[in-house]
Amino acid sequence: MSVNDERDRLIDQIGEIQRDLGRLFAHHRAPSPLFDSNLTMRQLKVVMILSFQHSASGQDLAHHLGVSLATVTGIVDRLVGHGLVTRREDPHDRRVRRVELSPAGRTLTEQIADAGLADFRRLLQHLDTPTLRDLSNAMNKIQAAATTLHTEHAPQR
């Protein structure tokens, strides 16, 4: 078996394990803020985009979602109604309205992240210390690779 074949096999195996873990967590999960939020998938995407970007214009959101500006306006209107986002004037261009998470929106994204982290922490409690050390080293390498990948593909502004 060539090195490339082994790498491909290992990547496939890791992907399957990740999928299986996701199914297990979903099947045995206590009530989650994600499922209790009553948001549509597009609304959730906007909330998650804003949790990473802090604010975005309607054009930015339309581009990320692959929808029209009119569609984004409706999505944002509903999120404003839920109290999860706010609109404000762009300080650099008064014609542009920026959308950002409200305190309730930030709380929701933190609760979603914390729920997933709690499941992961419960799983990690079942591993011995040498395995946790190995996993920590591997996760540090994954994070470094993700940072490199993100930097290479980040849009130039």
N, C-alpha and C. Protein backbone atom coordinates (compact mmCIF):
# COMPACT_ATOMS: atom_id res chain seq x y z
N MET A 1 0.85 -1.17 0.00
CA MET A 1 0.00 0.00 0.00
C MET A 1 0.90 1.24 0.00
N SER A 2 0.60 2.16 -0.90
CA SER A 2 1.40 3.38 -0.97
C SER A 2 1.03 4.32 0.18
N VAL A 3 1.91 5.28 0.41
CA VAL A 3 1.66 6.27 1.46
C VAL A 3 0.37 7.03 1.18
N ASN A 4 0.13 7.39 -0.09
CA ASN A 4 -1.10 8.11 -0.44
C ASN A 4 -2.33 7.25 -0.20
N ASP A 5 -2.25 5.94 -0.52
CA ASP A 5 -3.38 5.05 -0.26
C ASP A 5 -3.67 4.97 1.24
N GLU A 6 -2.62 4.87 2.03
CA GLU A 6 -2.80 4.80 3.48
C GLU A 6 -3.41 6.10 4.00
N ARG A 7 -2.92 7.24 3.51
CA ARG A 7 -3.46 8.54 3.94
C ARG A 7 -4.95 8.63 3.59
N ASP A 8 -5.30 8.25 2.36
CA ASP A 8 -6.71 8.29 1.94
C ASP A 8 -7.57 7.37 2.80
N ARG A 9 -7.06 6.18 3.11
CA ARG A 9 -7.80 5.23 3.94
C ARG A 9 -8.00 5.80 5.34
N LEU A 10 -6.95 6.38 5.91
CA LEU A 10 -7.05 6.96 7.24
C LEU A 10 -8.01 8.16 7.26
N ILE A 11 -7.95 9.01 6.24
CA ILE A 11 -8.87 10.15 6.17
C ILE A 11 -10.30 9.66 6.07
N ASP A 12 -10.55 8.64 5.26
CA ASP A 12 -11.90 8.06 5.15
C ASP A 12 -12.35 7.50 6.50
N GLN A 13 -11.45 6.79 7.17
CA GLN A 13 -11.78 6.19 8.46
C GLN A 13 -12.11 7.26 9.50
N ILE A 14 -11.32 8.32 9.55
CA ILE A 14 -11.56 9.41 10.50
C ILE A 14 -12.90 10.08 10.18
N GLY A 15 -13.18 10.28 8.90
CA GLY A 15 -14.47 10.88 8.52
C GLY A 15 -15.64 10.02 8.95
N GLU A 16 -15.53 8.71 8.79
CA GLU A 16 -16.61 7.82 9.21
C GLU A 16 -16.79 7.84 10.72
N ILE A 17 -15.69 7.85 11.45
CA ILE A 17 -15.77 7.92 12.91
C ILE A 17 -16.45 9.21 13.34
N GLN A 18 -16.08 10.32 12.69
CA GLN A 18 -16.69 11.61 13.02
C GLN A 18 -18.19 11.58 12.75
N ARG A 19 -18.59 11.00 11.62
CA ARG A 19 -20.01 10.87 11.29
C ARG A 19 -20.74 10.02 12.33
N ASP A 20 -20.12 8.88 12.70
CA ASP A 20 -20.73 8.00 13.69
C ASP A 20 -20.88 8.69 15.04
N LEU A 21 -19.86 9.44 15.45
CA LEU A 21 -19.95 10.19 16.71
C LEU A 21 -21.07 11.23 16.65
N GLY A 22 -21.19 11.90 15.52
CA GLY A 22 -22.27 12.88 15.36
C GLY A 22 -23.63 12.23 15.50
N ARG A 23 -23.79 11.05 14.91
CA ARG A 23 -25.06 10.33 15.04
C ARG A 23 -25.33 9.93 16.50
N LEU A 24 -24.28 9.42 17.17
CA LEU A 24 -24.45 9.03 18.57
C LEU A 24 -24.84 10.22 19.44
N PHE A 25 -24.14 11.35 19.25
CA PHE A 25 -24.45 12.53 20.04
C PHE A 25 -25.87 13.02 19.74
N ALA A 26 -26.26 13.00 18.49
CA ALA A 26 -27.61 13.46 18.11
C ALA A 26 -28.67 12.55 18.71
N HIS A 27 -28.40 11.25 18.72
CA HIS A 27 -29.38 10.27 19.20
C HIS A 27 -29.53 10.32 20.72
N HIS A 28 -28.46 10.60 21.45
CA HIS A 28 -28.49 10.57 22.91
C HIS A 28 -28.43 11.96 23.54
N ARG A 29 -28.73 12.96 22.78
CA ARG A 29 -28.60 14.33 23.27
C ARG A 29 -29.83 14.75 24.07
N ALA A 30 -29.56 15.43 25.16
CA ALA A 30 -30.63 16.04 25.93
C ALA A 30 -31.18 17.20 25.11
N PRO A 31 -32.31 17.78 25.51
CA PRO A 31 -32.84 18.93 24.77
C PRO A 31 -31.74 19.96 24.54
N SER A 32 -31.70 20.47 23.32
CA SER A 32 -30.61 21.35 22.90
C SER A 32 -31.15 22.71 22.50
N PRO A 33 -30.39 23.77 22.79
CA PRO A 33 -30.82 25.10 22.34
C PRO A 33 -30.93 25.18 20.82
N LEU A 34 -30.14 24.37 20.11
CA LEU A 34 -30.21 24.35 18.66
C LEU A 34 -31.58 23.87 18.20
N PHE A 35 -32.06 22.78 18.77
CA PHE A 35 -33.34 22.22 18.36
C PHE A 35 -34.52 22.97 18.97
N ASP A 36 -34.30 23.62 20.09
CA ASP A 36 -35.37 24.35 20.75
C ASP A 36 -35.55 25.77 20.21
N SER A 37 -34.66 26.22 19.33
CA SER A 37 -34.66 27.61 18.89
C SER A 37 -35.78 27.94 17.90
N ASN A 38 -36.35 26.95 17.23
CA ASN A 38 -37.40 27.16 16.23
C ASN A 38 -36.94 28.05 15.07
N LEU A 39 -35.64 28.03 14.78
CA LEU A 39 -35.12 28.79 13.65
C LEU A 39 -35.10 27.91 12.40
N THR A 40 -35.32 28.54 11.25
CA THR A 40 -35.15 27.81 10.00
C THR A 40 -33.65 27.63 9.75
N MET A 41 -33.31 26.77 8.82
CA MET A 41 -31.89 26.54 8.52
C MET A 41 -31.22 27.83 8.06
N ARG A 42 -31.89 28.61 7.23
CA ARG A 42 -31.28 29.87 6.75
C ARG A 42 -31.11 30.87 7.88
N GLN A 43 -32.09 30.93 8.77
CA GLN A 43 -31.96 31.83 9.91
C GLN A 43 -30.79 31.40 10.79
N LEU A 44 -30.67 30.10 11.02
CA LEU A 44 -29.56 29.59 11.82
C LEU A 44 -28.23 29.89 11.15
N LYS A 45 -28.18 29.76 9.82
CA LYS A 45 -26.94 30.07 9.11
C LYS A 45 -26.55 31.54 9.31
N VAL A 46 -27.52 32.44 9.23
CA VAL A 46 -27.22 33.86 9.43
C VAL A 46 -26.69 34.07 10.85
N VAL A 47 -27.33 33.47 11.84
CA VAL A 47 -26.87 33.62 13.22
C VAL A 47 -25.44 33.10 13.36
N MET A 48 -25.15 31.96 12.76
CA MET A 48 -23.80 31.39 12.87
C MET A 48 -22.77 32.23 12.11
N ILE A 49 -23.14 32.73 10.94
CA ILE A 49 -22.22 33.63 10.19
C ILE A 49 -21.89 34.84 11.05
N LEU A 50 -22.90 35.43 11.67
CA LEU A 50 -22.68 36.62 12.49
C LEU A 50 -21.88 36.30 13.74
N SER A 51 -21.98 35.07 14.24
CA SER A 51 -21.19 34.71 15.42
C SER A 51 -19.71 34.67 15.10
N PHE A 52 -19.36 34.43 13.83
CA PHE A 52 -17.96 34.38 13.42
C PHE A 52 -17.47 35.72 12.90
N GLN A 53 -18.36 36.47 12.21
CA GLN A 53 -17.95 37.73 11.57
C GLN A 53 -18.28 38.96 12.38
N HIS A 54 -19.08 38.82 13.41
CA HIS A 54 -19.51 39.92 14.29
C HIS A 54 -20.53 40.85 13.64
N SER A 55 -20.36 41.18 12.37
CA SER A 55 -21.39 41.94 11.67
C SER A 55 -21.22 41.68 10.18
N ALA A 56 -22.30 41.90 9.44
CA ALA A 56 -22.26 41.70 7.99
C ALA A 56 -23.30 42.59 7.35
N SER A 57 -23.04 42.96 6.11
CA SER A 57 -24.04 43.69 5.34
C SER A 57 -25.02 42.69 4.75
N GLY A 58 -26.14 43.18 4.28
CA GLY A 58 -27.10 42.31 3.61
C GLY A 58 -26.48 41.64 2.39
N GLN A 59 -25.64 42.39 1.67
CA GLN A 59 -24.95 41.82 0.49
C GLN A 59 -24.03 40.67 0.90
N ASP A 60 -23.30 40.86 2.00
CA ASP A 60 -22.41 39.80 2.50
C ASP A 60 -23.21 38.54 2.81
N LEU A 61 -24.32 38.73 3.50
CA LEU A 61 -25.16 37.58 3.88
C LEU A 61 -25.75 36.90 2.65
N ALA A 62 -26.20 37.70 1.69
CA ALA A 62 -26.76 37.14 0.46
C ALA A 62 -25.71 36.29 -0.26
N HIS A 63 -24.49 36.80 -0.30
CA HIS A 63 -23.39 36.06 -0.94
C HIS A 63 -23.14 34.73 -0.21
N HIS A 64 -23.04 34.77 1.12
CA HIS A 64 -22.77 33.55 1.90
C HIS A 64 -23.89 32.52 1.77
N LEU A 65 -25.12 33.00 1.69
CA LEU A 65 -26.26 32.08 1.63
C LEU A 65 -26.61 31.68 0.21
N GLY A 66 -26.13 32.42 -0.78
CA GLY A 66 -26.47 32.13 -2.17
C GLY A 66 -27.91 32.47 -2.50
N VAL A 67 -28.40 33.57 -1.90
CA VAL A 67 -29.78 33.99 -2.13
C VAL A 67 -29.79 35.48 -2.49
N SER A 68 -30.96 35.98 -2.82
CA SER A 68 -31.09 37.39 -3.19
C SER A 68 -31.10 38.27 -1.95
N LEU A 69 -30.84 39.56 -2.16
CA LEU A 69 -30.88 40.53 -1.07
C LEU A 69 -32.29 40.60 -0.48
N ALA A 70 -33.30 40.48 -1.32
CA ALA A 70 -34.69 40.51 -0.83
C ALA A 70 -34.95 39.34 0.12
N THR A 71 -34.42 38.16 -0.19
CA THR A 71 -34.58 37.00 0.68
C THR A 71 -33.88 37.24 2.01
N VAL A 72 -32.67 37.81 1.96
CA VAL A 72 -31.94 38.10 3.19
C VAL A 72 -32.71 39.10 4.04
N THR A 73 -33.32 40.08 3.42
CA THR A 73 -34.09 41.07 4.16
C THR A 73 -35.20 40.39 4.97
N GLY A 74 -35.90 39.44 4.36
CA GLY A 74 -36.95 38.72 5.06
C GLY A 74 -36.40 37.88 6.21
N ILE A 75 -35.29 37.21 5.97
CA ILE A 75 -34.66 36.39 7.02
C ILE A 75 -34.25 37.27 8.19
N VAL A 76 -33.60 38.39 7.89
CA VAL A 76 -33.14 39.29 8.94
C VAL A 76 -34.33 39.90 9.68
N ASP A 77 -35.39 40.26 8.96
CA ASP A 77 -36.59 40.80 9.61
C ASP A 77 -37.11 39.82 10.66
N ARG A 78 -37.16 38.53 10.30
CA ARG A 78 -37.66 37.52 11.25
C ARG A 78 -36.70 37.36 12.44
N LEU A 79 -35.40 37.43 12.18
CA LEU A 79 -34.43 37.33 13.28
C LEU A 79 -34.50 38.54 14.20
N VAL A 80 -34.74 39.72 13.63
CA VAL A 80 -34.96 40.92 14.45
C VAL A 80 -36.20 40.70 15.32
N GLY A 81 -37.25 40.15 14.72
CA GLY A 81 -38.48 39.85 15.46
C GLY A 81 -38.26 38.87 16.60
N HIS A 82 -37.35 37.92 16.41
CA HIS A 82 -37.01 36.96 17.47
C HIS A 82 -36.08 37.59 18.52
N GLY A 83 -35.59 38.80 18.23
CA GLY A 83 -34.68 39.47 19.16
C GLY A 83 -33.25 38.95 19.09
N LEU A 84 -32.88 38.26 18.00
CA LEU A 84 -31.56 37.65 17.90
C LEU A 84 -30.54 38.50 17.17
N VAL A 85 -30.99 39.44 16.33
CA VAL A 85 -30.07 40.33 15.62
C VAL A 85 -30.59 41.76 15.66
N THR A 86 -29.68 42.68 15.37
CA THR A 86 -30.04 44.09 15.25
C THR A 86 -29.44 44.61 13.95
N ARG A 87 -29.99 45.70 13.48
CA ARG A 87 -29.45 46.40 12.32
C ARG A 87 -28.89 47.73 12.79
N ARG A 88 -27.82 48.16 12.12
CA ARG A 88 -27.26 49.48 12.41
C ARG A 88 -26.63 50.04 11.15
N GLU A 89 -26.47 51.32 11.15
CA GLU A 89 -25.83 52.00 10.02
C GLU A 89 -24.35 51.67 10.00
N ASP A 90 -23.79 51.42 8.83
CA ASP A 90 -22.35 51.19 8.69
C ASP A 90 -21.65 52.53 8.91
N PRO A 91 -20.67 52.59 9.82
CA PRO A 91 -20.02 53.87 10.11
C PRO A 91 -19.20 54.41 8.93
N HIS A 92 -18.84 53.52 7.98
CA HIS A 92 -18.03 53.94 6.83
C HIS A 92 -18.86 54.26 5.60
N ASP A 93 -20.12 53.80 5.58
CA ASP A 93 -20.98 54.02 4.41
C ASP A 93 -22.43 54.04 4.90
N ARG A 94 -22.99 55.22 5.04
CA ARG A 94 -24.33 55.37 5.61
C ARG A 94 -25.41 54.70 4.78
N ARG A 95 -25.11 54.36 3.52
CA ARG A 95 -26.10 53.67 2.69
C ARG A 95 -26.24 52.20 3.06
N VAL A 96 -25.24 51.68 3.77
CA VAL A 96 -25.20 50.25 4.10
C VAL A 96 -25.69 50.04 5.51
N ARG A 97 -26.56 49.03 5.67
CA ARG A 97 -27.03 48.62 7.00
C ARG A 97 -26.29 47.35 7.37
N ARG A 98 -25.71 47.32 8.55
CA ARG A 98 -25.00 46.14 9.04
C ARG A 98 -25.91 45.38 10.00
N VAL A 99 -25.78 44.07 9.95
CA VAL A 99 -26.55 43.20 10.82
C VAL A 99 -25.57 42.59 11.81
N GLU A 100 -25.96 42.56 13.07
CA GLU A 100 -25.11 41.93 14.08
C GLU A 100 -25.97 41.23 15.11
N LEU A 101 -25.35 40.31 15.83
CA LEU A 101 -26.08 39.58 16.86
C LEU A 101 -26.43 40.53 18.00
N SER A 102 -27.62 40.34 18.54
CA SER A 102 -28.02 41.03 19.75
C SER A 102 -27.44 40.23 20.93
N PRO A 103 -27.55 40.74 22.14
CA PRO A 103 -27.11 39.93 23.29
C PRO A 103 -27.81 38.57 23.34
N ALA A 104 -29.09 38.53 22.99
CA ALA A 104 -29.81 37.24 22.98
C ALA A 104 -29.26 36.31 21.90
N GLY A 105 -28.86 36.87 20.77
CA GLY A 105 -28.27 36.07 19.70
C GLY A 105 -26.92 35.50 20.11
N ARG A 106 -26.12 36.33 20.79
CA ARG A 106 -24.82 35.84 21.29
C ARG A 106 -25.02 34.75 22.33
N THR A 107 -26.01 34.91 23.18
CA THR A 107 -26.30 33.90 24.19
C THR A 107 -26.70 32.59 23.53
N LEU A 108 -27.54 32.67 22.49
CA LEU A 108 -27.96 31.45 21.79
C LEU A 108 -26.77 30.73 21.18
N THR A 109 -25.87 31.45 20.50
CA THR A 109 -24.73 30.78 19.87
C THR A 109 -23.80 30.19 20.93
N GLU A 110 -23.66 30.85 22.07
CA GLU A 110 -22.85 30.29 23.16
C GLU A 110 -23.49 29.03 23.73
N GLN A 111 -24.82 29.04 23.86
CA GLN A 111 -25.51 27.86 24.38
C GLN A 111 -25.39 26.68 23.42
N ILE A 112 -25.47 26.94 22.13
CA ILE A 112 -25.33 25.88 21.13
C ILE A 112 -23.93 25.28 21.20
N ALA A 113 -22.92 26.14 21.26
CA ALA A 113 -21.54 25.66 21.33
C ALA A 113 -21.30 24.91 22.64
N ASP A 114 -21.82 25.44 23.74
CA ASP A 114 -21.62 24.80 25.04
C ASP A 114 -22.28 23.43 25.11
N ALA A 115 -23.44 23.28 24.47
CA ALA A 115 -24.13 21.98 24.49
C ALA A 115 -23.28 20.93 23.79
N GLY A 116 -22.71 21.26 22.64
CA GLY A 116 -21.84 20.32 21.94
C GLY A 116 -20.58 20.03 22.72
N LEU A 117 -20.03 21.05 23.36
CA LEU A 117 -18.82 20.87 24.14
C LEU A 117 -19.08 19.98 25.36
N ALA A 118 -20.24 20.10 25.97
CA ALA A 118 -20.57 19.27 27.12
C ALA A 118 -20.60 17.79 26.72
N ASP A 119 -21.19 17.49 25.57
CA ASP A 119 -21.20 16.10 25.08
C ASP A 119 -19.77 15.61 24.86
N PHE A 120 -18.94 16.43 24.26
CA PHE A 120 -17.57 16.05 23.95
C PHE A 120 -16.78 15.84 25.25
N ARG A 121 -16.98 16.71 26.23
CA ARG A 121 -16.28 16.57 27.51
C ARG A 121 -16.68 15.27 28.20
N ARG A 122 -17.97 14.90 28.14
CA ARG A 122 -18.41 13.64 28.74
C ARG A 122 -17.70 12.46 28.09
N LEU A 123 -17.55 12.52 26.79
CA LEU A 123 -16.85 11.46 26.06
C LEU A 123 -15.38 11.41 26.49
N LEU A 124 -14.73 12.56 26.56
CA LEU A 124 -13.31 12.61 26.91
C LEU A 124 -13.04 12.09 28.32
N GLN A 125 -14.01 12.21 29.21
CA GLN A 125 -13.84 11.71 30.59
C GLN A 125 -13.60 10.21 30.62
N HIS A 126 -13.97 9.50 29.56
CA HIS A 126 -13.82 8.05 29.51
C HIS A 126 -12.46 7.61 28.94
N LEU A 127 -11.61 8.57 28.58
CA LEU A 127 -10.30 8.24 28.02
C LEU A 127 -9.22 8.37 29.09
N ASP A 128 -8.18 7.54 28.98
CA ASP A 128 -7.08 7.61 29.95
C ASP A 128 -6.18 8.81 29.61
N THR A 129 -5.32 9.16 30.55
CA THR A 129 -4.47 10.35 30.39
C THR A 129 -3.53 10.26 29.19
N PRO A 130 -2.84 9.14 28.94
CA PRO A 130 -1.98 9.10 27.75
C PRO A 130 -2.77 9.30 26.45
N THR A 131 -3.97 8.76 26.37
CA THR A 131 -4.80 8.94 25.18
C THR A 131 -5.22 10.40 25.04
N LEU A 132 -5.57 11.03 26.17
CA LEU A 132 -5.93 12.46 26.13
C LEU A 132 -4.75 13.30 25.68
N ARG A 133 -3.55 12.95 26.14
CA ARG A 133 -2.34 13.68 25.72
C ARG A 133 -2.13 13.55 24.21
N ASP A 134 -2.27 12.32 23.69
CA ASP A 134 -2.13 12.09 22.25
C ASP A 134 -3.19 12.86 21.47
N LEU A 135 -4.42 12.82 21.98
CA LEU A 135 -5.52 13.52 21.31
C LEU A 135 -5.29 15.03 21.33
N SER A 136 -4.79 15.54 22.45
CA SER A 136 -4.49 16.97 22.54
C SER A 136 -3.44 17.37 21.51
N ASN A 137 -2.39 16.56 21.38
CA ASN A 137 -1.36 16.84 20.37
C ASN A 137 -1.95 16.81 18.97
N ALA A 138 -2.78 15.81 18.69
CA ALA A 138 -3.41 15.71 17.37
C ALA A 138 -4.34 16.89 17.12
N MET A 139 -5.12 17.29 18.12
CA MET A 139 -6.04 18.42 17.95
C MET A 139 -5.29 19.72 17.73
N ASN A 140 -4.14 19.90 18.40
CA ASN A 140 -3.31 21.09 18.16
C ASN A 140 -2.84 21.13 16.71
N LYS A 141 -2.46 19.98 16.15
CA LYS A 141 -2.03 19.92 14.75
C LYS A 141 -3.21 20.19 13.81
N ILE A 142 -4.39 19.66 14.15
CA ILE A 142 -5.58 19.91 13.33
C ILE A 142 -5.91 21.40 13.35
N GLN A 143 -5.83 22.01 14.53
CA GLN A 143 -6.12 23.45 14.63
C GLN A 143 -5.13 24.26 13.82
N ALA A 144 -3.86 23.90 13.87
CA ALA A 144 -2.85 24.62 13.10
C ALA A 144 -3.11 24.47 11.60
N ALA A 145 -3.46 23.26 11.17
CA ALA A 145 -3.76 23.03 9.75
C ALA A 145 -5.00 23.82 9.33
N ALA A 146 -6.01 23.86 10.20
CA ALA A 146 -7.24 24.61 9.89
C ALA A 146 -6.94 26.10 9.78
N THR A 147 -6.09 26.60 10.67
CA THR A 147 -5.71 28.02 10.63
C THR A 147 -4.98 28.33 9.33
N THR A 148 -4.07 27.46 8.95
CA THR A 148 -3.33 27.65 7.70
C THR A 148 -4.29 27.63 6.51
N LEU A 149 -5.18 26.65 6.50
CA LEU A 149 -6.16 26.53 5.40
C LEU A 149 -7.04 27.76 5.33
N HIS A 150 -7.51 28.23 6.49
CA HIS A 150 -8.37 29.41 6.53
C HIS A 150 -7.62 30.64 6.01
N THR A 151 -6.36 30.79 6.42
CA THR A 151 -5.55 31.93 6.00
C THR A 151 -5.32 31.91 4.50
N GLU A 152 -5.07 30.71 3.96
CA GLU A 152 -4.82 30.60 2.52
C GLU A 152 -6.06 30.93 1.70
N HIS A 153 -7.24 30.64 2.24
CA HIS A 153 -8.49 30.83 1.48
C HIS A 153 -9.31 32.04 1.93
N ALA A 154 -8.76 32.82 2.83
CA ALA A 154 -9.50 34.00 3.31
C ALA A 154 -9.54 35.04 2.18
N PRO A 155 -10.72 35.67 1.99
CA PRO A 155 -10.82 36.69 0.95
C PRO A 155 -9.93 37.89 1.29
N GLN A 156 -9.31 38.44 0.29
CA GLN A 156 -8.49 39.63 0.46
C GLN A 156 -9.39 40.85 0.52
N ARG A 157 -9.15 41.72 1.47
CA ARG A 157 -9.99 42.91 1.60
C ARG A 157 -9.18 44.14 1.36
